[in-house]
C-alpha cells in the first residue's frame, strides 16, 4: 500500500490512537509524513516520542498546537506564553527527529474571547503582542510559527483570527521563515477574498502548511466535529489546490479531520479512506507530485 508522497496524516484524524499506534498505522498505510499533537507526545515524553518518530521513518510536518493567548496580562497569560515556548522547543526537537524533508512548523490557534469579555479588538491586539514576544524564541530554534485562521463560528471560543488576511497582517512584521500562516480549506473556503489572500501569502512566502478537509451541512451539534473527508462536501479542492500550488508551495499536505464517526472507526480504515479521498480530489491538481526536498 502506498499513499501519495505529499500526503501527511494529521494525528487528530485518528484522535483515539496512541502515539505508537498513530505512527505504526500511518507508516503501514504507505504514508511518508505525519503531523503530531502535543498531548500524545507529552504522554510518552518528548525524548521517547522523538525516538519513535525516527524509528517510524516518517517526515514530521507540524505540531499542534500553540496559541490560546488572548487573555489580559497576568498569571494565566504568563503560563500560556511559557507553554508556547515549550511548544517551540518540542517542535524543533521533533522536526530534527523526523525523516529528511521534515518541517519545523508550530500551529498557532489564537484563542477566543476571554471569559466574560466582549472586547474582540483587544483580544486580537493581544494575539499580536504574544506573537511578537515568541518570535525571538522561534527564530533561535529554527521554528516557523504558523497562524491558523479559524472559521468565524469559532471566534468566541477558539480563534479571534478568522481570515487569511487577518493572519497575514499579524505575520507581516516578521520574517516569513519565522511567522507564516495555515491555509486550511475547512476554515477559509467561504471567504470571498481567500484566493487573493492565498496569492498574497505566496508572494510573501508565508504558507507554512496546506491542510485539506471538507465542509458539509447540516453541521453537528458540536461544530468542532464538522470536518469530512475531502470530496464529501462542498469545497472546491481543484481551485484551492491549484491556487496554493501556483505560489510555489512544495511541502507536504495534511488531512486533519475532527469527526465523531471517523474517530470511532478502525484506525487502518480511516488511514486508507483518507488516502483514497486525497488521491481522488486533491492529488490530480498537484503540480508537484514528488516528495519535498529536505528543509
C-alpha atoms as a PDB file:
ATOM      1  CA  UNK A   1       0.000   0.000   0.000  1.00  0.00           C
ATOM      2  CA  UNK A   2       1.306   3.450  -0.891  1.00  0.00           C
ATOM      3  CA  UNK A   3      -0.211   6.863  -0.241  1.00  0.00           C
ATOM      4  CA  UNK A   4       0.529   9.983  -2.243  1.00  0.00           C
ATOM      5  CA  UNK A   5       4.116  11.098  -1.499  1.00  0.00           C
ATOM      6  CA  UNK A   6       2.985  14.540  -0.324  1.00  0.00           C
ATOM      7  CA  UNK A   7       0.124  13.362   1.876  1.00  0.00           C
ATOM      8  CA  UNK A   8       0.569  13.808   5.628  1.00  0.00           C
ATOM      9  CA  UNK A   9      -1.862  12.423   8.177  1.00  0.00           C
ATOM     10  CA  UNK A  10      -2.587  14.870  10.948  1.00  0.00           C
ATOM     11  CA  UNK A  11      -2.765  12.816  14.136  1.00  0.00           C
ATOM     12  CA  UNK A  12      -6.130  14.333  15.076  1.00  0.00           C
ATOM     13  CA  UNK A  13      -7.693  12.306  12.257  1.00  0.00           C
ATOM     14  CA  UNK A  14      -7.147   9.185  14.379  1.00  0.00           C
ATOM     15  CA  UNK A  15      -7.534  11.016  17.659  1.00  0.00           C
ATOM     16  CA  UNK A  16      -8.032   7.916  19.824  1.00  0.00           C
ATOM     17  CA  UNK A  17      -4.772   6.323  18.704  1.00  0.00           C
ATOM     18  CA  UNK A  18      -1.748   6.473  20.970  1.00  0.00           C
ATOM     19  CA  UNK A  19       1.418   7.958  19.518  1.00  0.00           C
ATOM     20  CA  UNK A  20       2.827   4.483  18.877  1.00  0.00           C
ATOM     21  CA  UNK A  21      -0.388   3.369  17.188  1.00  0.00           C
ATOM     22  CA  UNK A  22      -0.586   6.542  15.103  1.00  0.00           C
ATOM     23  CA  UNK A  23       2.985   6.188  13.841  1.00  0.00           C
ATOM     24  CA  UNK A  24       2.538   2.490  13.108  1.00  0.00           C
ATOM     25  CA  UNK A  25      -0.747   2.726  11.241  1.00  0.00           C
ATOM     26  CA  UNK A  26       0.362   5.797   9.276  1.00  0.00           C
ATOM     27  CA  UNK A  27       3.569   4.136   8.097  1.00  0.00           C
ATOM     28  CA  UNK A  28       1.734   0.863   7.384  1.00  0.00           C
ATOM     29  CA  UNK A  29      -0.738   2.840   5.256  1.00  0.00           C
ATOM     30  CA  UNK A  30       2.065   3.905   2.947  1.00  0.00           C
ATOM     31  CA  UNK A  31       2.238   7.484   4.155  1.00  0.00           C
ATOM     32  CA  UNK A  32       5.555   9.273   4.320  1.00  0.00           C
ATOM     33  CA  UNK A  33       4.610  12.054   6.740  1.00  0.00           C
ATOM     34  CA  UNK A  34       2.617  12.815   9.875  1.00  0.00           C
ATOM     35  CA  UNK A  35       1.573  15.880  11.865  1.00  0.00           C
ATOM     36  CA  UNK A  36       1.605  15.396  15.630  1.00  0.00           C
ATOM     37  CA  UNK A  37      -0.275  16.806  18.600  1.00  0.00           C
ATOM     38  CA  UNK A  38       1.316  17.871  21.859  1.00  0.00           C
ATOM     39  CA  UNK A  39      -0.841  15.794  24.183  1.00  0.00           C
ATOM     40  CA  UNK A  40       0.087  12.335  22.801  1.00  0.00           C
ATOM     41  CA  UNK A  41       3.723  13.440  22.674  1.00  0.00           C
ATOM     42  CA  UNK A  42       3.554  14.505  26.326  1.00  0.00           C
ATOM     43  CA  UNK A  43       2.056  11.152  27.333  1.00  0.00           C
ATOM     44  CA  UNK A  44       5.280   9.347  26.423  1.00  0.00           C
ATOM     45  CA  UNK A  45       7.703  12.245  26.865  1.00  0.00           C
ATOM     46  CA  UNK A  46       9.495  14.254  24.207  1.00  0.00           C
ATOM     47  CA  UNK A  47      12.613  12.063  24.102  1.00  0.00           C
ATOM     48  CA  UNK A  48      10.611   8.851  23.655  1.00  0.00           C
ATOM     49  CA  UNK A  49       8.304  10.497  21.113  1.00  0.00           C
ATOM     50  CA  UNK A  50      11.295  11.690  19.105  1.00  0.00           C
ATOM     51  CA  UNK A  51      12.865   8.236  19.131  1.00  0.00           C
ATOM     52  CA  UNK A  52       9.613   6.633  17.975  1.00  0.00           C
ATOM     53  CA  UNK A  53       9.229   9.208  15.216  1.00  0.00           C
ATOM     54  CA  UNK A  54      12.762   8.492  13.999  1.00  0.00           C
ATOM     55  CA  UNK A  55      12.097   4.754  14.038  1.00  0.00           C
ATOM     56  CA  UNK A  56       8.916   5.221  12.020  1.00  0.00           C
ATOM     57  CA  UNK A  57      10.797   6.742   9.091  1.00  0.00           C
ATOM     58  CA  UNK A  58       8.078   9.383   8.696  1.00  0.00           C
ATOM     59  CA  UNK A  59       8.578  13.047   7.981  1.00  0.00           C
ATOM     60  CA  UNK A  60       7.271  15.449  10.623  1.00  0.00           C
ATOM     61  CA  UNK A  61       5.058  18.179   9.161  1.00  0.00           C
ATOM     62  CA  UNK A  62       3.718  20.164  12.117  1.00  0.00           C
ATOM     63  CA  UNK A  63       2.970  20.227  15.820  1.00  0.00           C
ATOM     64  CA  UNK A  64      -0.496  21.157  17.063  1.00  0.00           C
ATOM     65  CA  UNK A  65      -0.811  23.357  18.807  1.00  0.00           C
ATOM     66  CA  UNK A  66       0.337  26.586  20.391  1.00  0.00           C
ATOM     67  CA  UNK A  67      -1.556  29.816  20.850  1.00  0.00           C
ATOM     68  CA  UNK A  68      -4.528  30.477  23.130  1.00  0.00           C
ATOM     69  CA  UNK A  69      -3.056  33.714  24.414  1.00  0.00           C
ATOM     70  CA  UNK A  70      -5.887  36.256  24.178  1.00  0.00           C
ATOM     71  CA  UNK A  71      -6.230  36.789  27.928  1.00  0.00           C
ATOM     72  CA  UNK A  72      -5.095  40.046  29.618  1.00  0.00           C
ATOM     73  CA  UNK A  73      -1.689  40.268  31.267  1.00  0.00           C
ATOM     74  CA  UNK A  74      -1.452  38.197  34.426  1.00  0.00           C
ATOM     75  CA  UNK A  75      -0.555  34.686  35.631  1.00  0.00           C
ATOM     76  CA  UNK A  76      -2.736  32.918  33.049  1.00  0.00           C
ATOM     77  CA  UNK A  77      -1.150  34.810  30.174  1.00  0.00           C
ATOM     78  CA  UNK A  78       2.361  34.176  31.505  1.00  0.00           C
ATOM     79  CA  UNK A  79       1.559  30.468  31.774  1.00  0.00           C
ATOM     80  CA  UNK A  80       0.288  30.477  28.193  1.00  0.00           C
ATOM     81  CA  UNK A  81       3.391  32.228  26.857  1.00  0.00           C
ATOM     82  CA  UNK A  82       5.646  29.821  28.756  1.00  0.00           C
ATOM     83  CA  UNK A  83       3.663  26.897  27.359  1.00  0.00           C
ATOM     84  CA  UNK A  84       4.149  28.227  23.850  1.00  0.00           C
ATOM     85  CA  UNK A  85       7.882  28.488  24.455  1.00  0.00           C
ATOM     86  CA  UNK A  86       7.916  24.815  25.410  1.00  0.00           C
ATOM     87  CA  UNK A  87       5.914  24.031  22.280  1.00  0.00           C
ATOM     88  CA  UNK A  88       8.561  25.769  20.185  1.00  0.00           C
ATOM     89  CA  UNK A  89      11.242  23.584  21.753  1.00  0.00           C
ATOM     90  CA  UNK A  90       9.136  20.467  21.162  1.00  0.00           C
ATOM     91  CA  UNK A  91       8.620  21.399  17.511  1.00  0.00           C
ATOM     92  CA  UNK A  92      12.331  21.852  16.901  1.00  0.00           C
ATOM     93  CA  UNK A  93      13.139  18.534  18.566  1.00  0.00           C
ATOM     94  CA  UNK A  94      10.509  16.582  16.638  1.00  0.00           C
ATOM     95  CA  UNK A  95      11.478  18.159  13.319  1.00  0.00           C
ATOM     96  CA  UNK A  96      15.066  17.065  13.923  1.00  0.00           C
ATOM     97  CA  UNK A  97      13.848  13.536  14.699  1.00  0.00           C
ATOM     98  CA  UNK A  98      11.727  13.197  11.580  1.00  0.00           C
ATOM     99  CA  UNK A  99      12.884  11.902   8.226  1.00  0.00           C
ATOM    100  CA  UNK A 100      14.573  14.276   5.744  1.00  0.00           C
ATOM    101  CA  UNK A 101      12.108  16.868   4.468  1.00  0.00           C
ATOM    102  CA  UNK A 102      10.529  17.414   7.899  1.00  0.00           C
ATOM    103  CA  UNK A 103       9.308  20.936   8.581  1.00  0.00           C
ATOM    104  CA  UNK A 104       9.547  22.656  11.972  1.00  0.00           C
ATOM    105  CA  UNK A 105       6.072  24.193  11.963  1.00  0.00           C
ATOM    106  CA  UNK A 106       4.183  25.052  15.156  1.00  0.00           C
ATOM    107  CA  UNK A 107       0.497  25.722  14.524  1.00  0.00           C
ATOM    108  CA  UNK A 108      -0.910  28.676  16.465  1.00  0.00           C
ATOM    109  CA  UNK A 109      -4.631  28.876  17.242  1.00  0.00           C
ATOM    110  CA  UNK A 110      -5.174  32.338  18.658  1.00  0.00           C
ATOM    111  CA  UNK A 111      -7.808  31.583  21.282  1.00  0.00           C
ATOM    112  CA  UNK A 112     -11.251  33.075  21.719  1.00  0.00           C
ATOM    113  CA  UNK A 113     -12.633  35.857  23.828  1.00  0.00           C
ATOM    114  CA  UNK A 114     -11.555  35.699  27.474  1.00  0.00           C
ATOM    115  CA  UNK A 115     -14.359  34.654  29.796  1.00  0.00           C
ATOM    116  CA  UNK A 116     -16.837  37.483  30.294  1.00  0.00           C
ATOM    117  CA  UNK A 117     -15.224  39.685  27.644  1.00  0.00           C
ATOM    118  CA  UNK A 118     -16.759  41.299  24.573  1.00  0.00           C
ATOM    119  CA  UNK A 119     -13.545  43.082  23.614  1.00  0.00           C
ATOM    120  CA  UNK A 120     -12.751  41.424  20.274  1.00  0.00           C
ATOM    121  CA  UNK A 121     -10.406  44.238  19.223  1.00  0.00           C
ATOM    122  CA  UNK A 122      -8.419  43.919  22.433  1.00  0.00           C
ATOM    123  CA  UNK A 123      -8.205  40.140  22.134  1.00  0.00           C
ATOM    124  CA  UNK A 124      -6.783  40.437  18.635  1.00  0.00           C
ATOM    125  CA  UNK A 125      -4.275  43.013  19.800  1.00  0.00           C
ATOM    126  CA  UNK A 126      -3.066  40.627  22.495  1.00  0.00           C
ATOM    127  CA  UNK A 127      -2.537  37.955  19.835  1.00  0.00           C
ATOM    128  CA  UNK A 128      -0.185  40.307  18.010  1.00  0.00           C
ATOM    129  CA  UNK A 129       1.657  41.054  21.240  1.00  0.00           C
ATOM    130  CA  UNK A 130       2.058  37.373  22.059  1.00  0.00           C
ATOM    131  CA  UNK A 131       3.443  36.534  18.634  1.00  0.00           C
ATOM    132  CA  UNK A 132       5.963  39.373  18.921  1.00  0.00           C
ATOM    133  CA  UNK A 133       7.045  38.005  22.294  1.00  0.00           C
ATOM    134  CA  UNK A 134       7.509  34.484  20.905  1.00  0.00           C
ATOM    135  CA  UNK A 135       9.310  35.372  17.685  1.00  0.00           C
ATOM    136  CA  UNK A 136      12.820  35.532  19.206  1.00  0.00           C
ATOM    137  CA  UNK A 137      12.376  32.039  20.660  1.00  0.00           C
ATOM    138  CA  UNK A 138      11.069  30.657  17.383  1.00  0.00           C
ATOM    139  CA  UNK A 139      13.831  32.281  15.377  1.00  0.00           C
ATOM    140  CA  UNK A 140      16.514  30.918  17.703  1.00  0.00           C
ATOM    141  CA  UNK A 141      15.033  27.406  17.478  1.00  0.00           C
ATOM    142  CA  UNK A 142      14.551  27.458  13.712  1.00  0.00           C
ATOM    143  CA  UNK A 143      10.795  27.029  14.099  1.00  0.00           C
ATOM    144  CA  UNK A 144       8.144  28.604  11.898  1.00  0.00           C
ATOM    145  CA  UNK A 145       5.075  29.827  13.792  1.00  0.00           C
ATOM    146  CA  UNK A 146       2.018  29.199  11.651  1.00  0.00           C
ATOM    147  CA  UNK A 147      -1.014  31.355  12.409  1.00  0.00           C
ATOM    148  CA  UNK A 148      -4.179  29.426  11.654  1.00  0.00           C
ATOM    149  CA  UNK A 149      -7.330  31.420  10.962  1.00  0.00           C
ATOM    150  CA  UNK A 150     -10.436  29.525  12.024  1.00  0.00           C
ATOM    151  CA  UNK A 151     -13.942  29.826  10.601  1.00  0.00           C
ATOM    152  CA  UNK A 152     -15.805  32.753  12.215  1.00  0.00           C
ATOM    153  CA  UNK A 153     -18.162  30.379  14.044  1.00  0.00           C
ATOM    154  CA  UNK A 154     -15.204  29.686  16.356  1.00  0.00           C
ATOM    155  CA  UNK A 155     -14.358  33.345  17.033  1.00  0.00           C
ATOM    156  CA  UNK A 156     -15.886  33.462  20.503  1.00  0.00           C
ATOM    157  CA  UNK A 157     -14.269  30.354  21.961  1.00  0.00           C
ATOM    158  CA  UNK A 158     -11.318  29.264  19.820  1.00  0.00           C
ATOM    159  CA  UNK A 159      -9.863  31.847  17.455  1.00  0.00           C
ATOM    160  CA  UNK A 160     -10.386  35.565  17.149  1.00  0.00           C
ATOM    161  CA  UNK A 161      -8.381  35.330  13.907  1.00  0.00           C
ATOM    162  CA  UNK A 162     -10.919  34.365  11.245  1.00  0.00           C
ATOM    163  CA  UNK A 163      -9.434  35.104   7.813  1.00  0.00           C
ATOM    164  CA  UNK A 164      -6.200  34.597   5.933  1.00  0.00           C
ATOM    165  CA  UNK A 165      -5.996  38.363   5.552  1.00  0.00           C
ATOM    166  CA  UNK A 166      -6.023  38.835   9.317  1.00  0.00           C
ATOM    167  CA  UNK A 167      -3.418  36.110   9.771  1.00  0.00           C
ATOM    168  CA  UNK A 168      -1.160  37.634   7.128  1.00  0.00           C
ATOM    169  CA  UNK A 169      -1.461  41.070   8.711  1.00  0.00           C
ATOM    170  CA  UNK A 170      -0.368  39.566  12.029  1.00  0.00           C
ATOM    171  CA  UNK A 171       2.567  37.836  10.355  1.00  0.00           C
ATOM    172  CA  UNK A 172       3.654  40.843   8.301  1.00  0.00           C
ATOM    173  CA  UNK A 173       6.079  42.452  10.818  1.00  0.00           C
ATOM    174  CA  UNK A 174       8.212  39.307  10.979  1.00  0.00           C
ATOM    175  CA  UNK A 175      10.406  37.256   8.674  1.00  0.00           C
ATOM    176  CA  UNK A 176       8.396  34.713   6.645  1.00  0.00           C
ATOM    177  CA  UNK A 177      10.621  31.881   7.793  1.00  0.00           C
ATOM    178  CA  UNK A 178       9.660  32.626  11.378  1.00  0.00           C
ATOM    179  CA  UNK A 179       5.961  33.518  11.066  1.00  0.00           C
ATOM    180  CA  UNK A 180       3.731  32.052   8.398  1.00  0.00           C
ATOM    181  CA  UNK A 181       0.089  31.043   8.010  1.00  0.00           C
ATOM    182  CA  UNK A 182      -2.020  27.900   7.677  1.00  0.00           C
ATOM    183  CA  UNK A 183      -4.230  27.531   4.637  1.00  0.00           C
ATOM    184  CA  UNK A 184      -6.929  25.154   5.891  1.00  0.00           C
ATOM    185  CA  UNK A 185      -9.735  24.660   3.404  1.00  0.00           C
ATOM    186  CA  UNK A 186     -12.318  23.958   6.104  1.00  0.00           C
ATOM    187  CA  UNK A 187     -11.760  27.350   7.685  1.00  0.00           C
ATOM    188  CA  UNK A 188     -11.298  29.630   4.660  1.00  0.00           C
ATOM    189  CA  UNK A 189     -13.342  28.160   1.790  1.00  0.00           C
ATOM    190  CA  UNK A 190     -16.224  30.566   2.408  1.00  0.00           C
ATOM    191  CA  UNK A 191     -14.129  33.769   2.297  1.00  0.00           C
ATOM    192  CA  UNK A 192     -14.585  35.739  -0.974  1.00  0.00           C
ATOM    193  CA  UNK A 193     -11.026  37.035  -0.542  1.00  0.00           C
ATOM    194  CA  UNK A 194      -9.489  33.640   0.179  1.00  0.00           C
ATOM    195  CA  UNK A 195      -7.888  33.045  -3.210  1.00  0.00           C
ATOM    196  CA  UNK A 196      -6.472  36.570  -3.346  1.00  0.00           C
ATOM    197  CA  UNK A 197      -5.054  36.051   0.141  1.00  0.00           C
ATOM    198  CA  UNK A 198      -3.531  32.705  -0.873  1.00  0.00           C
ATOM    199  CA  UNK A 199      -1.777  34.532  -3.704  1.00  0.00           C
ATOM    200  CA  UNK A 200      -0.641  37.218  -1.270  1.00  0.00           C
ATOM    201  CA  UNK A 201       0.657  34.561   1.113  1.00  0.00           C
ATOM    202  CA  UNK A 202       2.618  33.084  -1.757  1.00  0.00           C
ATOM    203  CA  UNK A 203       4.132  36.417  -2.741  1.00  0.00           C
ATOM    204  CA  UNK A 204       5.168  36.949   0.859  1.00  0.00           C
ATOM    205  CA  UNK A 205       6.496  33.392   1.231  1.00  0.00           C
ATOM    206  CA  UNK A 206       4.256  32.697   4.218  1.00  0.00           C
ATOM    207  CA  UNK A 207       2.375  29.463   3.509  1.00  0.00           C
ATOM    208  CA  UNK A 208       3.644  27.232   6.295  1.00  0.00           C
ATOM    209  CA  UNK A 209       1.129  24.452   5.732  1.00  0.00           C
ATOM    210  CA  UNK A 210      -1.758  23.496   3.479  1.00  0.00           C
ATOM    211  CA  UNK A 211      -4.472  21.426   5.185  1.00  0.00           C
ATOM    212  CA  UNK A 212      -7.418  19.838   3.432  1.00  0.00           C
ATOM    213  CA  UNK A 213     -10.752  18.541   4.659  1.00  0.00           C
ATOM    214  CA  UNK A 214     -14.320  19.155   3.586  1.00  0.00           C
ATOM    215  CA  UNK A 215     -17.362  21.113   4.761  1.00  0.00           C
ATOM    216  CA  UNK A 216     -20.845  19.600   4.651  1.00  0.00           C
ATOM    217  CA  UNK A 217     -24.168  20.610   6.130  1.00  0.00           C
ATOM    218  CA  UNK A 218     -26.056  20.148   8.323  1.00  0.00           C
ATOM    219  CA  UNK A 219     -23.398  20.784  10.939  1.00  0.00           C
ATOM    220  CA  UNK A 220     -23.368  18.556  14.029  1.00  0.00           C
ATOM    221  CA  UNK A 221     -24.414  19.895  17.420  1.00  0.00           C
ATOM    222  CA  UNK A 222     -20.721  20.224  18.317  1.00  0.00           C
ATOM    223  CA  UNK A 223     -19.439  22.256  15.386  1.00  0.00           C
ATOM    224  CA  UNK A 224     -15.860  21.386  16.293  1.00  0.00           C
ATOM    225  CA  UNK A 225     -16.586  17.915  14.887  1.00  0.00           C
ATOM    226  CA  UNK A 226     -17.835  19.060  11.491  1.00  0.00           C
ATOM    227  CA  UNK A 227     -14.914  18.044   9.259  1.00  0.00           C
ATOM    228  CA  UNK A 228     -15.328  15.495   6.467  1.00  0.00           C
ATOM    229  CA  UNK A 229     -13.084  13.539   4.130  1.00  0.00           C
ATOM    230  CA  UNK A 230     -12.080  15.580   1.067  1.00  0.00           C
ATOM    231  CA  UNK A 231     -14.702  15.195  -1.629  1.00  0.00           C
ATOM    232  CA  UNK A 232     -17.636  14.555   0.731  1.00  0.00           C
ATOM    233  CA  UNK A 233     -18.761  18.166   0.956  1.00  0.00           C
ATOM    234  CA  UNK A 234     -18.880  21.423  -0.974  1.00  0.00           C
ATOM    235  CA  UNK A 235     -15.278  22.674  -1.063  1.00  0.00           C
ATOM    236  CA  UNK A 236     -13.685  23.197  -4.478  1.00  0.00           C
ATOM    237  CA  UNK A 237     -10.353  21.430  -3.914  1.00  0.00           C
ATOM    238  CA  UNK A 238      -9.329  21.832  -7.544  1.00  0.00           C
ATOM    239  CA  UNK A 239      -9.370  25.612  -7.317  1.00  0.00           C
ATOM    240  CA  UNK A 240      -7.849  25.832  -3.849  1.00  0.00           C
ATOM    241  CA  UNK A 241      -5.104  23.319  -4.563  1.00  0.00           C
ATOM    242  CA  UNK A 242      -4.186  24.951  -7.858  1.00  0.00           C
ATOM    243  CA  UNK A 243      -4.024  28.332  -6.119  1.00  0.00           C
ATOM    244  CA  UNK A 244      -1.710  27.019  -3.396  1.00  0.00           C
ATOM    245  CA  UNK A 245       0.480  25.177  -5.907  1.00  0.00           C
ATOM    246  CA  UNK A 246       0.744  28.325  -8.028  1.00  0.00           C
ATOM    247  CA  UNK A 247       2.510  30.053  -5.136  1.00  0.00           C
ATOM    248  CA  UNK A 248       5.346  27.530  -5.329  1.00  0.00           C
ATOM    249  CA  UNK A 249       4.292  25.663  -2.209  1.00  0.00           C
ATOM    250  CA  UNK A 250       6.005  22.267  -2.310  1.00  0.00           C
ATOM    251  CA  UNK A 251       5.636  20.932   1.218  1.00  0.00           C
ATOM    252  CA  UNK A 252       3.505  18.062   2.416  1.00  0.00           C
ATOM    253  CA  UNK A 253      -0.266  18.485   2.638  1.00  0.00           C
ATOM    254  CA  UNK A 254      -2.068  17.447   5.798  1.00  0.00           C
ATOM    255  CA  UNK A 255      -5.513  15.960   6.174  1.00  0.00           C
ATOM    256  CA  UNK A 256      -6.903  16.887   9.594  1.00  0.00           C
ATOM    257  CA  UNK A 257     -10.350  15.547  10.474  1.00  0.00           C
ATOM    258  CA  UNK A 258     -12.438  16.232  13.570  1.00  0.00           C
ATOM    259  CA  UNK A 259     -15.467  13.991  13.253  1.00  0.00           C
ATOM    260  CA  UNK A 260     -17.011  11.661  15.837  1.00  0.00           C
ATOM    261  CA  UNK A 261     -17.854   8.944  13.303  1.00  0.00           C
ATOM    262  CA  UNK A 262     -14.351   8.996  11.853  1.00  0.00           C
ATOM    263  CA  UNK A 263     -12.820   8.838  15.322  1.00  0.00           C
ATOM    264  CA  UNK A 264     -14.940   5.785  16.116  1.00  0.00           C
ATOM    265  CA  UNK A 265     -13.821   3.881  13.017  1.00  0.00           C
ATOM    266  CA  UNK A 266     -10.837   1.489  12.936  1.00  0.00           C
ATOM    267  CA  UNK A 267      -7.589   3.402  12.528  1.00  0.00           C
ATOM    268  CA  UNK A 268      -6.422   1.492   9.452  1.00  0.00           C
ATOM    269  CA  UNK A 269      -9.777   2.081   7.760  1.00  0.00           C
ATOM    270  CA  UNK A 270      -9.514   5.829   8.367  1.00  0.00           C
ATOM    271  CA  UNK A 271      -5.937   5.925   7.108  1.00  0.00           C
ATOM    272  CA  UNK A 272      -6.888   4.102   3.919  1.00  0.00           C
ATOM    273  CA  UNK A 273     -10.022   6.169   3.313  1.00  0.00           C
ATOM    274  CA  UNK A 274      -8.106   9.405   3.883  1.00  0.00           C
ATOM    275  CA  UNK A 275      -5.514   8.412   1.293  1.00  0.00           C
ATOM    276  CA  UNK A 276      -8.193   7.400  -1.213  1.00  0.00           C
ATOM    277  CA  UNK A 277     -10.085  10.674  -0.819  1.00  0.00           C
ATOM    278  CA  UNK A 278      -6.855  12.656  -1.211  1.00  0.00           C
ATOM    279  CA  UNK A 279      -5.958  10.749  -4.374  1.00  0.00           C
ATOM    280  CA  UNK A 280      -9.409  11.376  -5.794  1.00  0.00           C
ATOM    281  CA  UNK A 281      -9.905  15.113  -5.243  1.00  0.00           C
ATOM    282  CA  UNK A 282      -6.573  16.704  -4.280  1.00  0.00           C
ATOM    283  CA  UNK A 283      -3.741  14.812  -5.948  1.00  0.00           C
ATOM    284  CA  UNK A 284      -4.926  15.415  -9.547  1.00  0.00           C
ATOM    285  CA  UNK A 285      -4.395  19.146  -9.023  1.00  0.00           C
ATOM    286  CA  UNK A 286      -0.869  18.996  -7.601  1.00  0.00           C
ATOM    287  CA  UNK A 287       1.776  20.484  -9.832  1.00  0.00           C
ATOM    288  CA  UNK A 288       4.479  18.816  -7.734  1.00  0.00           C
ATOM    289  CA  UNK A 289       3.879  15.130  -7.276  1.00  0.00           C
ATOM    290  CA  UNK A 290       7.252  14.322  -5.717  1.00  0.00           C
ATOM    291  CA  UNK A 291       8.054  14.484  -2.049  1.00  0.00           C
ATOM    292  CA  UNK A 292       9.529  17.796  -0.889  1.00  0.00           C
ATOM    293  CA  UNK A 293      13.268  18.198  -0.740  1.00  0.00           C
ATOM    294  CA  UNK A 294      14.907  18.322   2.699  1.00  0.00           C
ATOM    295  CA  UNK A 295      14.444  21.611   4.573  1.00  0.00           C
END
